[in-house]
């Protein structure tokens, strides 16, 4: 009897082909997500540090004595 030839893409070949595309794609997506989360965390920390620095400057300038001694100048018309 005429046996059908084996399919070109047998189950192991399909699995190999799928793994060649799926594993790197999933890894890429996962690493991109990690990088984005890390970048967002860094941005939030920098923003918080900036806010703290601005608040500290305001507190420091509020405590500083900004008065200037006023006297008569020697010059004039």
N, C-alpha and C. Protein backbone atom coordinates (compact mmCIF):
# COMPACT_ATOMS: atom_id res chain seq x y z
N UNK A 1 0.83 -1.20 0.00
CA UNK A 1 0.00 0.00 0.00
C UNK A 1 0.87 1.26 0.00
N UNK A 2 0.31 2.34 -0.51
CA UNK A 2 1.07 3.59 -0.56
C UNK A 2 0.96 4.36 0.74
N UNK A 3 2.04 4.32 1.52
CA UNK A 3 2.04 5.07 2.78
C UNK A 3 2.25 6.55 2.49
N UNK A 4 1.58 7.36 3.26
CA UNK A 4 1.78 8.80 3.11
C UNK A 4 3.15 9.16 3.64
N UNK A 5 3.84 10.08 2.97
CA UNK A 5 5.14 10.50 3.51
C UNK A 5 4.94 11.24 4.84
N UNK A 6 5.95 11.23 5.65
CA UNK A 6 5.84 11.92 6.95
C UNK A 6 5.73 13.42 6.68
N UNK A 7 4.99 14.11 7.49
CA UNK A 7 4.84 15.55 7.28
C UNK A 7 6.18 16.26 7.44
N UNK A 8 6.33 17.33 6.67
CA UNK A 8 7.60 18.06 6.72
C UNK A 8 7.84 18.64 8.11
N UNK A 9 6.79 19.22 8.69
CA UNK A 9 6.92 19.77 10.04
C UNK A 9 6.35 18.76 11.03
N UNK A 10 7.18 17.87 11.47
CA UNK A 10 6.74 16.90 12.46
C UNK A 10 6.66 17.59 13.83
N UNK A 11 6.16 16.90 14.81
CA UNK A 11 5.97 17.49 16.13
C UNK A 11 7.28 18.01 16.74
N UNK A 12 8.38 17.26 16.69
CA UNK A 12 9.63 17.81 17.24
C UNK A 12 10.12 19.04 16.47
N UNK A 13 9.94 19.03 15.16
CA UNK A 13 10.37 20.21 14.39
C UNK A 13 9.52 21.42 14.73
N UNK A 14 8.22 21.20 14.91
CA UNK A 14 7.34 22.31 15.29
C UNK A 14 7.73 22.86 16.65
N UNK A 15 8.03 21.96 17.58
CA UNK A 15 8.42 22.40 18.91
C UNK A 15 9.72 23.20 18.86
N UNK A 16 10.69 22.72 18.09
CA UNK A 16 11.96 23.42 17.97
C UNK A 16 11.76 24.80 17.33
N UNK A 17 10.99 24.84 16.27
CA UNK A 17 10.74 26.11 15.58
C UNK A 17 10.03 27.09 16.50
N UNK A 18 9.04 26.61 17.24
CA UNK A 18 8.32 27.48 18.16
C UNK A 18 9.24 27.98 19.27
N UNK A 19 10.09 27.10 19.78
CA UNK A 19 10.97 27.52 20.87
C UNK A 19 12.02 28.52 20.38
N UNK A 20 12.44 28.39 19.12
CA UNK A 20 13.42 29.33 18.57
C UNK A 20 12.84 30.74 18.54
N UNK A 21 11.54 30.87 18.29
CA UNK A 21 10.93 32.20 18.23
C UNK A 21 10.33 32.64 19.56
N UNK A 22 9.73 31.72 20.28
CA UNK A 22 8.98 32.10 21.47
C UNK A 22 9.90 32.46 22.63
N UNK A 23 10.93 31.67 22.86
CA UNK A 23 11.80 31.91 24.02
C UNK A 23 12.50 33.27 23.93
N UNK A 24 13.16 33.60 22.81
CA UNK A 24 13.78 34.94 22.75
C UNK A 24 12.76 36.08 22.83
N UNK A 25 11.60 35.88 22.22
CA UNK A 25 10.59 36.93 22.25
C UNK A 25 10.10 37.17 23.68
N UNK A 26 9.81 36.10 24.39
CA UNK A 26 9.36 36.24 25.78
C UNK A 26 10.46 36.85 26.65
N UNK A 27 11.70 36.44 26.43
CA UNK A 27 12.81 36.99 27.19
C UNK A 27 12.96 38.48 26.92
N UNK A 28 12.84 38.87 25.67
CA UNK A 28 12.96 40.27 25.29
C UNK A 28 11.87 41.11 25.96
N UNK A 29 10.64 40.61 25.91
CA UNK A 29 9.52 41.34 26.52
C UNK A 29 9.72 41.45 28.02
N UNK A 30 10.14 40.36 28.64
CA UNK A 30 10.34 40.36 30.09
C UNK A 30 11.45 41.34 30.49
N UNK A 31 12.57 41.33 29.75
CA UNK A 31 13.68 42.23 30.08
C UNK A 31 13.30 43.69 29.84
N UNK A 32 12.53 43.96 28.80
CA UNK A 32 12.08 45.33 28.55
C UNK A 32 11.20 45.82 29.69
N UNK A 33 10.33 44.93 30.18
CA UNK A 33 9.47 45.31 31.29
C UNK A 33 10.29 45.59 32.55
N UNK A 34 11.29 44.75 32.81
CA UNK A 34 12.17 44.99 33.96
C UNK A 34 12.88 46.33 33.84
N UNK A 35 13.39 46.61 32.64
CA UNK A 35 14.11 47.86 32.42
C UNK A 35 13.18 49.06 32.60
N UNK A 36 11.97 48.96 32.09
CA UNK A 36 11.01 50.06 32.24
C UNK A 36 10.66 50.28 33.71
N UNK A 37 10.47 49.20 34.45
CA UNK A 37 10.18 49.33 35.88
C UNK A 37 11.34 49.96 36.62
N UNK A 38 12.56 49.56 36.26
CA UNK A 38 13.74 50.12 36.91
C UNK A 38 13.86 51.61 36.61
N UNK A 39 13.61 51.97 35.36
CA UNK A 39 13.69 53.38 34.97
C UNK A 39 12.63 54.21 35.71
N UNK A 40 11.43 53.66 35.84
CA UNK A 40 10.36 54.36 36.55
C UNK A 40 10.71 54.52 38.02
N UNK A 41 11.28 53.49 38.62
CA UNK A 41 11.68 53.56 40.03
C UNK A 41 12.76 54.63 40.23
N UNK A 42 13.73 54.67 39.31
CA UNK A 42 14.78 55.69 39.39
C UNK A 42 14.19 57.08 39.26
N UNK A 43 13.26 57.24 38.34
CA UNK A 43 12.63 58.56 38.14
C UNK A 43 11.89 59.00 39.40
N UNK A 44 11.16 58.08 40.02
CA UNK A 44 10.42 58.42 41.24
C UNK A 44 11.37 58.80 42.37
N UNK A 45 12.48 58.07 42.51
CA UNK A 45 13.44 58.39 43.56
C UNK A 45 14.08 59.75 43.33
N UNK A 46 14.43 60.05 42.06
CA UNK A 46 15.02 61.35 41.75
C UNK A 46 14.04 62.47 42.03
N UNK A 47 12.78 62.24 41.67
CA UNK A 47 11.76 63.26 41.90
C UNK A 47 11.57 63.52 43.39
N UNK A 48 11.55 62.44 44.17
CA UNK A 48 11.41 62.59 45.62
C UNK A 48 12.61 63.33 46.21
N UNK A 49 13.81 62.98 45.74
CA UNK A 49 15.01 63.67 46.21
C UNK A 49 15.00 65.14 45.85
N UNK A 50 14.53 65.45 44.65
CA UNK A 50 14.44 66.84 44.22
C UNK A 50 13.46 67.61 45.10
N UNK A 51 12.30 66.98 45.40
CA UNK A 51 11.31 67.65 46.26
C UNK A 51 11.89 67.89 47.66
N UNK A 52 12.60 66.89 48.19
CA UNK A 52 13.20 67.05 49.51
C UNK A 52 14.24 68.16 49.51
N UNK A 53 15.03 68.23 48.43
CA UNK A 53 16.07 69.25 48.34
C UNK A 53 15.43 70.64 48.29
N UNK A 54 14.37 70.79 47.49
CA UNK A 54 13.69 72.09 47.39
C UNK A 54 13.10 72.48 48.74
N UNK A 55 12.50 71.52 49.43
CA UNK A 55 11.92 71.80 50.75
C UNK A 55 13.00 72.21 51.74
N UNK A 56 14.15 71.53 51.69
CA UNK A 56 15.25 71.87 52.59
C UNK A 56 15.77 73.28 52.29
N UNK A 57 15.85 73.64 51.01
CA UNK A 57 16.30 74.98 50.64
C UNK A 57 15.31 76.04 51.14
N UNK A 58 14.02 75.74 51.04
CA UNK A 58 13.01 76.68 51.53
C UNK A 58 13.14 76.86 53.04
N UNK A 59 13.31 75.74 53.74
CA UNK A 59 13.46 75.82 55.20
C UNK A 59 14.71 76.62 55.57
N UNK A 60 15.79 76.37 54.84
CA UNK A 60 17.05 77.04 55.13
C UNK A 60 16.93 78.54 54.85
N UNK A 61 16.29 78.89 53.73
CA UNK A 61 16.17 80.32 53.41
C UNK A 61 15.17 80.99 54.34
N UNK A 62 14.22 80.26 54.88
CA UNK A 62 13.26 80.83 55.83
C UNK A 62 13.92 81.15 57.15
N UNK A 63 14.90 80.35 57.55
CA UNK A 63 15.59 80.57 58.82
C UNK A 63 16.69 81.61 58.69
N UNK A 64 17.18 81.82 57.48
CA UNK A 64 18.31 82.73 57.29
C UNK A 64 17.87 84.18 57.50
N UNK A 65 18.72 84.96 58.11
CA UNK A 65 18.42 86.37 58.33
C UNK A 65 18.81 87.13 57.08
N UNK A 66 17.80 87.66 56.41
CA UNK A 66 18.06 88.35 55.15
C UNK A 66 18.11 89.86 55.33
N UNK A 67 18.11 90.32 56.57
CA UNK A 67 18.12 91.77 56.79
C UNK A 67 19.50 92.34 56.47
N UNK A 68 19.48 93.53 55.94
CA UNK A 68 20.71 94.21 55.55
C UNK A 68 20.83 95.46 56.42
N UNK A 69 22.00 95.68 57.00
CA UNK A 69 22.14 96.89 57.81
C UNK A 69 22.02 98.14 56.93
N UNK A 70 21.15 99.04 57.35
CA UNK A 70 20.92 100.25 56.55
C UNK A 70 21.65 101.39 57.24
N UNK A 71 22.53 102.04 56.53
CA UNK A 71 23.25 103.19 57.07
C UNK A 71 23.30 104.28 56.01
N UNK A 72 23.84 105.40 56.40
CA UNK A 72 23.94 106.49 55.42
C UNK A 72 25.15 106.23 54.56
N UNK A 73 24.96 106.47 53.27
CA UNK A 73 26.09 106.28 52.38
C UNK A 73 26.97 107.52 52.44
N UNK A 74 28.21 107.36 52.17
CA UNK A 74 29.13 108.49 52.23
C UNK A 74 29.01 109.39 51.01
N UNK A 75 28.54 108.85 49.90
CA UNK A 75 28.49 109.66 48.69
C UNK A 75 27.17 110.40 48.59
N UNK A 76 26.95 110.96 47.49
CA UNK A 76 25.69 111.66 47.28
C UNK A 76 25.93 112.96 46.57
N UNK A 77 24.86 113.63 46.29
CA UNK A 77 24.98 114.87 45.53
C UNK A 77 24.91 116.03 46.47
